[in-house]
Amino acid sequence: MAIAVSAMELLRPESDLARIVETFEHVDLLVAAEDAPAGAPGRIGLIGGDGNHHVGAGPGFDESVFDDDDDDDVDEVRAGIERIGIDGLNVHRLGLRSPVGAAAESDLVAALSELVGFDPEPGVYFVAPAPTMSDQGRVVVNRAAQRIAQVYGLPLLRYRCLELSVVCDKR
């Protein structure tokens, strides 16, 4: 079993997590949080002369740009996972808000406990991100991973999480 802060840890080019996961026959991966949207639009509103807040900005305003439906993001992640083609990989998305805060640790422990089960079989390993103090989400994920590994007696393997990957053009 494995845990990642976000799906990008699996999907980014030259992912250490993907390299490790593909060596196992079966892996349950818990993705803790959704990737934060870059520059997500905020609501536009006007305060009317009557003092009430009116959503919209006049003619031609398209309310659908503020649709909170995450189906496109889910489809994009599924497509990315299919593209990397790792057999035996089951991805479970917890859907926490990004960045993951300290209050989410108990949710992570509960979700991981569900995946481990009551009594894990011999040969079960736990793969988690390498510790770092620079990312609060990884700190929380690491605390949850250490608790699960200790309680269930699972060997804990670590993978590198590169903040920025430089991909060489191999022509």
N, C-alpha and C. Protein backbone atom coordinates (compact mmCIF):
# COMPACT_ATOMS: atom_id res chain seq x y z
N MET A 1 0.84 -1.16 0.00
CA MET A 1 0.00 0.00 0.00
C MET A 1 0.88 1.23 0.00
N ALA A 2 0.30 2.35 -0.45
CA ALA A 2 1.08 3.58 -0.57
C ALA A 2 0.19 4.79 -0.30
N ILE A 3 0.84 5.90 -0.02
CA ILE A 3 0.12 7.17 0.17
C ILE A 3 0.88 8.26 -0.57
N ALA A 4 0.11 9.19 -1.13
CA ALA A 4 0.68 10.36 -1.80
C ALA A 4 -0.14 11.57 -1.37
N VAL A 5 0.52 12.72 -1.28
CA VAL A 5 -0.20 13.94 -0.95
C VAL A 5 -1.17 14.28 -2.08
N SER A 6 -0.69 14.18 -3.33
CA SER A 6 -1.56 14.46 -4.48
C SER A 6 -1.22 13.49 -5.61
N ALA A 7 -2.09 13.44 -6.59
CA ALA A 7 -1.89 12.54 -7.73
C ALA A 7 -0.66 12.91 -8.54
N MET A 8 -0.24 14.16 -8.49
CA MET A 8 0.94 14.58 -9.25
C MET A 8 2.20 13.86 -8.81
N GLU A 9 2.25 13.38 -7.58
CA GLU A 9 3.42 12.62 -7.12
C GLU A 9 3.56 11.32 -7.90
N LEU A 10 2.46 10.81 -8.39
CA LEU A 10 2.47 9.60 -9.21
C LEU A 10 2.61 9.92 -10.69
N LEU A 11 1.98 11.00 -11.12
CA LEU A 11 1.86 11.28 -12.55
C LEU A 11 2.98 12.13 -13.13
N ARG A 12 3.76 12.79 -12.31
CA ARG A 12 4.80 13.66 -12.87
C ARG A 12 5.86 12.82 -13.59
N PRO A 13 6.53 13.40 -14.59
CA PRO A 13 7.58 12.67 -15.30
C PRO A 13 8.69 12.22 -14.34
N GLU A 14 9.19 11.02 -14.56
CA GLU A 14 10.26 10.43 -13.75
C GLU A 14 9.89 10.32 -12.27
N SER A 15 8.63 9.99 -12.00
CA SER A 15 8.13 9.86 -10.63
C SER A 15 8.78 8.69 -9.91
N ASP A 16 9.35 8.99 -8.76
CA ASP A 16 9.94 7.95 -7.92
C ASP A 16 8.84 7.01 -7.40
N LEU A 17 7.68 7.58 -7.06
CA LEU A 17 6.56 6.77 -6.59
C LEU A 17 6.12 5.78 -7.66
N ALA A 18 5.97 6.24 -8.90
CA ALA A 18 5.56 5.34 -9.99
C ALA A 18 6.59 4.23 -10.19
N ARG A 19 7.86 4.58 -10.11
CA ARG A 19 8.93 3.59 -10.29
C ARG A 19 8.85 2.52 -9.21
N ILE A 20 8.60 2.89 -7.98
CA ILE A 20 8.52 1.93 -6.88
C ILE A 20 7.24 1.09 -6.98
N VAL A 21 6.12 1.74 -7.24
CA VAL A 21 4.82 1.07 -7.28
C VAL A 21 4.77 0.00 -8.37
N GLU A 22 5.41 0.26 -9.50
CA GLU A 22 5.32 -0.71 -10.60
C GLU A 22 6.11 -1.99 -10.31
N THR A 23 6.90 -2.03 -9.25
CA THR A 23 7.63 -3.25 -8.90
C THR A 23 6.80 -4.23 -8.08
N PHE A 24 5.63 -3.78 -7.62
CA PHE A 24 4.76 -4.63 -6.81
C PHE A 24 3.61 -5.17 -7.65
N GLU A 25 3.13 -6.35 -7.28
CA GLU A 25 2.05 -7.00 -8.01
C GLU A 25 0.71 -6.31 -7.78
N HIS A 26 0.47 -5.84 -6.56
CA HIS A 26 -0.80 -5.18 -6.22
C HIS A 26 -0.49 -4.02 -5.28
N VAL A 27 -1.05 -2.84 -5.57
CA VAL A 27 -0.83 -1.66 -4.72
C VAL A 27 -2.14 -0.90 -4.58
N ASP A 28 -2.49 -0.60 -3.34
CA ASP A 28 -3.58 0.33 -3.04
C ASP A 28 -2.92 1.66 -2.69
N LEU A 29 -3.17 2.69 -3.50
CA LEU A 29 -2.59 4.01 -3.30
C LEU A 29 -3.67 4.96 -2.82
N LEU A 30 -3.43 5.58 -1.66
CA LEU A 30 -4.34 6.61 -1.15
C LEU A 30 -3.79 7.97 -1.55
N VAL A 31 -4.55 8.71 -2.33
CA VAL A 31 -4.20 10.08 -2.69
C VAL A 31 -4.96 10.98 -1.72
N ALA A 32 -4.21 11.70 -0.90
CA ALA A 32 -4.82 12.47 0.19
C ALA A 32 -5.62 13.67 -0.29
N ALA A 33 -5.05 14.48 -1.18
CA ALA A 33 -5.69 15.74 -1.54
C ALA A 33 -5.77 15.92 -3.05
N GLU A 34 -6.70 16.74 -3.44
CA GLU A 34 -6.80 17.12 -4.84
C GLU A 34 -5.72 18.16 -5.11
N ASP A 35 -5.19 18.16 -6.30
CA ASP A 35 -4.22 19.19 -6.67
C ASP A 35 -4.91 20.54 -6.66
N ALA A 36 -4.25 21.52 -6.06
CA ALA A 36 -4.83 22.86 -5.99
C ALA A 36 -4.88 23.47 -7.39
N PRO A 37 -6.02 23.99 -7.77
CA PRO A 37 -6.10 24.61 -9.09
C PRO A 37 -5.26 25.87 -9.14
N ALA A 38 -4.57 26.06 -10.24
CA ALA A 38 -3.76 27.25 -10.41
C ALA A 38 -4.64 28.38 -10.91
N GLY A 39 -4.74 29.41 -10.11
CA GLY A 39 -5.49 30.58 -10.53
C GLY A 39 -6.97 30.33 -10.71
N ALA A 40 -7.58 29.59 -9.81
CA ALA A 40 -9.01 29.33 -9.92
C ALA A 40 -9.78 30.64 -9.82
N PRO A 41 -10.79 30.80 -10.65
CA PRO A 41 -11.52 32.07 -10.63
C PRO A 41 -12.33 32.21 -9.36
N GLY A 42 -12.45 33.41 -8.90
CA GLY A 42 -13.29 33.70 -7.75
C GLY A 42 -14.65 34.16 -8.22
N ARG A 43 -15.60 34.18 -7.32
CA ARG A 43 -16.94 34.64 -7.67
C ARG A 43 -16.92 36.14 -7.94
N ILE A 44 -17.68 36.54 -8.93
CA ILE A 44 -17.83 37.95 -9.24
C ILE A 44 -19.20 38.36 -8.78
N GLY A 45 -19.27 39.44 -8.06
CA GLY A 45 -20.56 39.89 -7.59
C GLY A 45 -20.61 41.40 -7.51
N LEU A 46 -21.78 41.91 -7.45
CA LEU A 46 -22.01 43.34 -7.34
C LEU A 46 -22.90 43.59 -6.14
N ILE A 47 -22.64 44.69 -5.48
CA ILE A 47 -23.56 45.13 -4.44
C ILE A 47 -24.53 46.09 -5.12
N GLY A 48 -25.78 45.70 -5.15
CA GLY A 48 -26.79 46.50 -5.83
C GLY A 48 -27.18 47.72 -5.02
N GLY A 49 -27.90 48.62 -5.67
CA GLY A 49 -28.37 49.82 -5.00
C GLY A 49 -29.27 49.51 -3.82
N ASP A 50 -29.85 48.31 -3.83
CA ASP A 50 -30.72 47.91 -2.73
C ASP A 50 -29.93 47.34 -1.55
N GLY A 51 -28.57 47.30 -1.69
CA GLY A 51 -27.72 46.79 -0.60
C GLY A 51 -27.53 45.29 -0.64
N ASN A 52 -28.21 44.60 -1.56
CA ASN A 52 -28.08 43.14 -1.66
C ASN A 52 -26.94 42.77 -2.60
N HIS A 53 -26.38 41.60 -2.36
CA HIS A 53 -25.30 41.08 -3.21
C HIS A 53 -25.92 40.33 -4.37
N HIS A 54 -25.53 40.72 -5.59
CA HIS A 54 -26.04 40.07 -6.78
C HIS A 54 -24.90 39.38 -7.50
N VAL A 55 -25.00 38.06 -7.70
CA VAL A 55 -23.96 37.33 -8.43
C VAL A 55 -24.17 37.58 -9.90
N GLY A 56 -23.05 37.81 -10.57
CA GLY A 56 -23.11 38.06 -12.01
C GLY A 56 -22.53 39.42 -12.31
N ALA A 57 -22.27 39.65 -13.56
CA ALA A 57 -21.67 40.91 -13.95
C ALA A 57 -22.33 41.45 -15.20
N GLY A 58 -23.60 41.36 -15.27
CA GLY A 58 -24.30 41.95 -16.39
C GLY A 58 -24.50 41.00 -17.54
N PRO A 59 -24.86 41.53 -18.71
CA PRO A 59 -25.15 40.70 -19.87
C PRO A 59 -23.95 39.85 -20.28
N GLY A 60 -24.21 38.65 -20.67
CA GLY A 60 -23.16 37.76 -21.15
C GLY A 60 -22.39 37.07 -20.04
N PHE A 61 -22.74 37.30 -18.78
CA PHE A 61 -22.04 36.65 -17.67
C PHE A 61 -22.37 35.16 -17.67
N ASP A 62 -21.36 34.32 -17.58
CA ASP A 62 -21.54 32.88 -17.63
C ASP A 62 -21.30 32.28 -16.25
N GLU A 63 -22.38 31.95 -15.55
CA GLU A 63 -22.30 31.38 -14.20
C GLU A 63 -21.62 30.02 -14.21
N SER A 64 -21.62 29.31 -15.35
CA SER A 64 -21.08 27.95 -15.40
C SER A 64 -19.58 27.91 -15.14
N VAL A 65 -18.85 29.04 -15.28
CA VAL A 65 -17.42 29.00 -15.01
C VAL A 65 -17.15 28.78 -13.53
N PHE A 66 -18.19 28.93 -12.71
CA PHE A 66 -18.03 28.74 -11.27
C PHE A 66 -18.60 27.42 -10.80
N ASP A 67 -18.87 26.53 -11.73
CA ASP A 67 -19.39 25.21 -11.40
C ASP A 67 -18.38 24.48 -10.54
N ASP A 68 -18.79 24.00 -9.38
CA ASP A 68 -17.88 23.32 -8.45
C ASP A 68 -17.72 21.84 -8.77
N ASP A 69 -18.23 21.39 -9.89
CA ASP A 69 -18.16 19.99 -10.27
C ASP A 69 -16.72 19.60 -10.61
N ASP A 70 -16.19 18.59 -9.93
CA ASP A 70 -14.80 18.16 -10.12
C ASP A 70 -14.67 16.99 -11.09
N ASP A 71 -15.73 16.69 -11.86
CA ASP A 71 -15.69 15.54 -12.76
C ASP A 71 -14.54 15.61 -13.75
N ASP A 72 -14.25 16.81 -14.28
CA ASP A 72 -13.16 16.95 -15.24
C ASP A 72 -11.82 16.61 -14.60
N ASP A 73 -11.61 17.04 -13.35
CA ASP A 73 -10.36 16.74 -12.64
C ASP A 73 -10.23 15.24 -12.40
N VAL A 74 -11.33 14.60 -12.02
CA VAL A 74 -11.32 13.16 -11.77
C VAL A 74 -10.98 12.41 -13.06
N ASP A 75 -11.61 12.82 -14.16
CA ASP A 75 -11.35 12.18 -15.44
C ASP A 75 -9.90 12.37 -15.87
N GLU A 76 -9.35 13.55 -15.62
CA GLU A 76 -7.97 13.84 -15.99
C GLU A 76 -7.00 12.96 -15.20
N VAL A 77 -7.25 12.78 -13.92
CA VAL A 77 -6.40 11.92 -13.09
C VAL A 77 -6.52 10.47 -13.54
N ARG A 78 -7.75 10.00 -13.79
CA ARG A 78 -7.93 8.63 -14.28
C ARG A 78 -7.19 8.40 -15.59
N ALA A 79 -7.29 9.36 -16.49
CA ALA A 79 -6.61 9.24 -17.78
C ALA A 79 -5.09 9.21 -17.58
N GLY A 80 -4.58 10.02 -16.67
CA GLY A 80 -3.15 10.02 -16.39
C GLY A 80 -2.68 8.70 -15.82
N ILE A 81 -3.47 8.10 -14.95
CA ILE A 81 -3.12 6.81 -14.35
C ILE A 81 -3.15 5.72 -15.41
N GLU A 82 -4.14 5.77 -16.29
CA GLU A 82 -4.20 4.79 -17.38
C GLU A 82 -3.01 4.95 -18.32
N ARG A 83 -2.59 6.20 -18.56
CA ARG A 83 -1.46 6.48 -19.45
C ARG A 83 -0.16 5.88 -18.94
N ILE A 84 0.06 5.92 -17.61
CA ILE A 84 1.32 5.36 -17.10
C ILE A 84 1.28 3.84 -17.07
N GLY A 85 0.09 3.25 -17.11
CA GLY A 85 -0.07 1.81 -17.32
C GLY A 85 0.55 0.91 -16.27
N ILE A 86 0.26 1.15 -15.00
CA ILE A 86 0.77 0.29 -13.94
C ILE A 86 -0.31 -0.73 -13.59
N ASP A 87 -0.05 -1.99 -13.92
CA ASP A 87 -1.00 -3.06 -13.61
C ASP A 87 -1.06 -3.27 -12.10
N GLY A 88 -2.25 -3.58 -11.60
CA GLY A 88 -2.42 -3.89 -10.20
C GLY A 88 -2.49 -2.67 -9.29
N LEU A 89 -2.57 -1.46 -9.87
CA LEU A 89 -2.64 -0.23 -9.08
C LEU A 89 -4.09 0.17 -8.88
N ASN A 90 -4.50 0.27 -7.62
CA ASN A 90 -5.84 0.75 -7.27
C ASN A 90 -5.67 2.08 -6.56
N VAL A 91 -6.23 3.13 -7.13
CA VAL A 91 -6.09 4.47 -6.55
C VAL A 91 -7.36 4.82 -5.80
N HIS A 92 -7.18 5.25 -4.56
CA HIS A 92 -8.28 5.68 -3.69
C HIS A 92 -8.06 7.16 -3.39
N ARG A 93 -9.05 7.99 -3.68
CA ARG A 93 -8.91 9.44 -3.49
C ARG A 93 -9.70 9.88 -2.28
N LEU A 94 -8.98 10.41 -1.27
CA LEU A 94 -9.64 10.89 -0.06
C LEU A 94 -10.30 12.24 -0.29
N GLY A 95 -9.73 13.07 -1.16
CA GLY A 95 -10.36 14.33 -1.54
C GLY A 95 -10.25 15.44 -0.52
N LEU A 96 -9.20 15.43 0.31
CA LEU A 96 -9.00 16.52 1.25
C LEU A 96 -8.65 17.80 0.50
N ARG A 97 -8.89 18.93 1.15
CA ARG A 97 -8.52 20.22 0.55
C ARG A 97 -7.01 20.38 0.58
N SER A 98 -6.49 20.98 -0.47
CA SER A 98 -5.06 21.25 -0.55
C SER A 98 -4.84 22.70 -0.16
N PRO A 99 -3.87 23.01 0.66
CA PRO A 99 -2.89 22.12 1.27
C PRO A 99 -3.48 21.37 2.46
N VAL A 100 -2.98 20.17 2.67
CA VAL A 100 -3.45 19.31 3.76
C VAL A 100 -2.98 19.90 5.09
N GLY A 101 -3.90 20.12 5.99
CA GLY A 101 -3.57 20.70 7.29
C GLY A 101 -3.48 19.65 8.38
N ALA A 102 -2.98 20.06 9.53
CA ALA A 102 -2.77 19.15 10.66
C ALA A 102 -4.07 18.47 11.11
N ALA A 103 -5.19 19.15 10.95
CA ALA A 103 -6.48 18.58 11.37
C ALA A 103 -6.87 17.36 10.55
N ALA A 104 -6.24 17.17 9.40
CA ALA A 104 -6.58 16.05 8.52
C ALA A 104 -5.87 14.75 8.90
N GLU A 105 -4.95 14.81 9.85
CA GLU A 105 -4.18 13.60 10.20
C GLU A 105 -5.06 12.45 10.62
N SER A 106 -6.08 12.70 11.43
CA SER A 106 -6.95 11.61 11.88
C SER A 106 -7.74 11.01 10.71
N ASP A 107 -8.14 11.84 9.74
CA ASP A 107 -8.82 11.32 8.55
C ASP A 107 -7.89 10.43 7.74
N LEU A 108 -6.63 10.84 7.63
CA LEU A 108 -5.64 10.03 6.90
C LEU A 108 -5.42 8.69 7.60
N VAL A 109 -5.28 8.72 8.91
CA VAL A 109 -5.07 7.49 9.67
C VAL A 109 -6.27 6.56 9.51
N ALA A 110 -7.47 7.11 9.57
CA ALA A 110 -8.68 6.28 9.42
C ALA A 110 -8.74 5.66 8.02
N ALA A 111 -8.47 6.45 6.99
CA ALA A 111 -8.52 5.94 5.61
C ALA A 111 -7.45 4.87 5.40
N LEU A 112 -6.25 5.11 5.90
CA LEU A 112 -5.18 4.12 5.76
C LEU A 112 -5.50 2.84 6.51
N SER A 113 -6.10 2.97 7.68
CA SER A 113 -6.50 1.78 8.46
C SER A 113 -7.50 0.94 7.69
N GLU A 114 -8.42 1.60 7.00
CA GLU A 114 -9.39 0.87 6.17
C GLU A 114 -8.68 0.09 5.07
N LEU A 115 -7.67 0.69 4.46
CA LEU A 115 -6.95 0.01 3.38
C LEU A 115 -6.09 -1.14 3.90
N VAL A 116 -5.49 -0.97 5.06
CA VAL A 116 -4.64 -2.03 5.64
C VAL A 116 -5.49 -3.21 6.07
N GLY A 117 -6.62 -2.93 6.66
CA GLY A 117 -7.48 -3.99 7.18
C GLY A 117 -7.12 -4.32 8.61
N PHE A 118 -7.80 -5.31 9.16
CA PHE A 118 -7.61 -5.66 10.58
C PHE A 118 -6.25 -6.27 10.84
N ASP A 119 -5.84 -7.18 9.99
CA ASP A 119 -4.58 -7.90 10.20
C ASP A 119 -3.91 -8.09 8.84
N PRO A 120 -2.97 -7.20 8.48
CA PRO A 120 -2.35 -7.31 7.16
C PRO A 120 -1.56 -8.60 6.99
N GLU A 121 -1.60 -9.11 5.78
CA GLU A 121 -0.87 -10.34 5.45
C GLU A 121 0.64 -10.08 5.50
N PRO A 122 1.42 -11.14 5.73
CA PRO A 122 2.87 -10.96 5.65
C PRO A 122 3.27 -10.52 4.23
N GLY A 123 4.28 -9.68 4.14
CA GLY A 123 4.74 -9.20 2.85
C GLY A 123 4.12 -7.89 2.42
N VAL A 124 3.26 -7.30 3.27
CA VAL A 124 2.68 -5.99 2.95
C VAL A 124 3.69 -4.92 3.34
N TYR A 125 3.98 -4.03 2.39
CA TYR A 125 4.86 -2.90 2.62
C TYR A 125 4.04 -1.62 2.52
N PHE A 126 4.55 -0.57 3.13
CA PHE A 126 3.90 0.73 3.09
C PHE A 126 4.88 1.72 2.47
N VAL A 127 4.44 2.37 1.39
CA VAL A 127 5.28 3.33 0.67
C VAL A 127 4.72 4.73 0.93
N ALA A 128 5.58 5.64 1.41
CA ALA A 128 5.16 6.99 1.76
C ALA A 128 6.22 8.00 1.30
N PRO A 129 5.83 9.26 1.18
CA PRO A 129 6.81 10.26 0.75
C PRO A 129 7.93 10.44 1.77
N ALA A 130 9.11 10.78 1.28
CA ALA A 130 10.24 11.08 2.17
C ALA A 130 9.89 12.30 3.00
N PRO A 131 10.31 12.30 4.26
CA PRO A 131 9.99 13.44 5.13
C PRO A 131 10.62 14.74 4.64
N THR A 132 9.89 15.81 4.81
CA THR A 132 10.40 17.15 4.52
C THR A 132 9.67 18.13 5.44
N MET A 133 10.38 19.12 5.89
CA MET A 133 9.76 20.11 6.77
C MET A 133 9.24 21.31 5.98
N SER A 134 9.53 21.37 4.69
CA SER A 134 9.16 22.53 3.89
C SER A 134 7.72 22.48 3.36
N ASP A 135 7.07 21.34 3.47
CA ASP A 135 5.71 21.18 2.94
C ASP A 135 4.82 20.64 4.05
N GLN A 136 3.90 21.48 4.54
CA GLN A 136 3.03 21.09 5.64
C GLN A 136 2.21 19.85 5.31
N GLY A 137 1.75 19.72 4.06
CA GLY A 137 0.97 18.55 3.66
C GLY A 137 1.76 17.26 3.81
N ARG A 138 3.02 17.29 3.41
CA ARG A 138 3.87 16.10 3.55
C ARG A 138 4.18 15.79 5.00
N VAL A 139 4.30 16.82 5.83
CA VAL A 139 4.53 16.61 7.26
C VAL A 139 3.36 15.83 7.86
N VAL A 140 2.14 16.25 7.52
CA VAL A 140 0.94 15.59 8.04
C VAL A 140 0.83 14.16 7.51
N VAL A 141 1.06 13.99 6.21
CA VAL A 141 1.01 12.66 5.61
C VAL A 141 2.07 11.75 6.24
N ASN A 142 3.24 12.28 6.50
CA ASN A 142 4.29 11.48 7.12
C ASN A 142 3.96 11.06 8.54
N ARG A 143 3.35 11.96 9.31
CA ARG A 143 2.95 11.57 10.67
C ARG A 143 1.92 10.44 10.62
N ALA A 144 0.96 10.55 9.72
CA ALA A 144 -0.06 9.50 9.58
C ALA A 144 0.60 8.19 9.13
N ALA A 145 1.51 8.27 8.18
CA ALA A 145 2.20 7.07 7.68
C ALA A 145 3.00 6.39 8.78
N GLN A 146 3.69 7.18 9.58
CA GLN A 146 4.48 6.60 10.66
C GLN A 146 3.60 5.93 11.70
N ARG A 147 2.45 6.54 12.00
CA ARG A 147 1.53 5.93 12.96
C ARG A 147 1.02 4.58 12.45
N ILE A 148 0.62 4.54 11.18
CA ILE A 148 0.10 3.29 10.59
C ILE A 148 1.19 2.22 10.56
N ALA A 149 2.38 2.60 10.12
CA ALA A 149 3.48 1.63 10.05
C ALA A 149 3.80 1.06 11.42
N GLN A 150 3.77 1.91 12.43
CA GLN A 150 4.08 1.46 13.79
C GLN A 150 2.97 0.56 14.35
N VAL A 151 1.74 0.97 14.22
CA VAL A 151 0.61 0.21 14.77
C VAL A 151 0.48 -1.16 14.12
N TYR A 152 0.63 -1.21 12.78
CA TYR A 152 0.44 -2.47 12.06
C TYR A 152 1.74 -3.24 11.83
N GLY A 153 2.86 -2.68 12.24
CA GLY A 153 4.14 -3.35 12.07
C GLY A 153 4.55 -3.52 10.61
N LEU A 154 4.26 -2.51 9.80
CA LEU A 154 4.57 -2.57 8.37
C LEU A 154 5.93 -1.92 8.08
N PRO A 155 6.73 -2.55 7.22
CA PRO A 155 7.96 -1.89 6.78
C PRO A 155 7.59 -0.63 5.99
N LEU A 156 8.25 0.48 6.29
CA LEU A 156 7.94 1.76 5.65
C LEU A 156 9.04 2.12 4.66
N LEU A 157 8.67 2.14 3.37
CA LEU A 157 9.58 2.55 2.31
C LEU A 157 9.28 3.99 1.94
N ARG A 158 10.32 4.76 1.60
CA ARG A 158 10.14 6.18 1.28
C ARG A 158 10.44 6.44 -0.19
N TYR A 159 9.73 7.39 -0.77
CA TYR A 159 10.02 7.82 -2.13
C TYR A 159 10.31 9.32 -2.13
N ARG A 160 11.12 9.74 -3.10
CA ARG A 160 11.47 11.16 -3.23
C ARG A 160 10.32 11.91 -3.88
N CYS A 161 10.10 13.12 -3.40
CA CYS A 161 9.08 14.01 -3.96
C CYS A 161 9.79 15.25 -4.46
N LEU A 162 10.03 15.29 -5.73
CA LEU A 162 10.70 16.45 -6.28
C LEU A 162 9.69 17.57 -6.49
N GLU A 163 10.00 18.73 -5.95
CA GLU A 163 9.10 19.87 -6.12
C GLU A 163 9.03 20.30 -7.58
N LEU A 164 10.14 20.17 -8.26
CA LEU A 164 10.19 20.55 -9.65
C LEU A 164 11.04 19.54 -10.38
N SER A 165 10.50 18.94 -11.39
CA SER A 165 11.26 17.96 -12.17
C SER A 165 11.73 18.60 -13.45
N VAL A 166 12.97 18.37 -13.76
CA VAL A 166 13.50 18.82 -15.03
C VAL A 166 13.57 17.59 -15.90
N VAL A 167 12.85 17.63 -17.00
CA VAL A 167 12.80 16.48 -17.89
C VAL A 167 13.68 16.77 -19.09
N CYS A 168 14.62 15.90 -19.30
CA CYS A 168 15.53 16.07 -20.43
C CYS A 168 14.87 15.58 -21.71
N ASP A 169 15.11 16.30 -22.79
CA ASP A 169 14.59 15.90 -24.09
C ASP A 169 15.54 14.87 -24.67
N LYS A 170 15.10 13.62 -24.71
CA LYS A 170 15.96 12.51 -25.18
C LYS A 170 15.62 12.24 -26.64
N ARG A 171 16.35 12.87 -27.52
CA ARG A 171 16.11 12.67 -28.96
C ARG A 171 17.12 11.75 -29.54
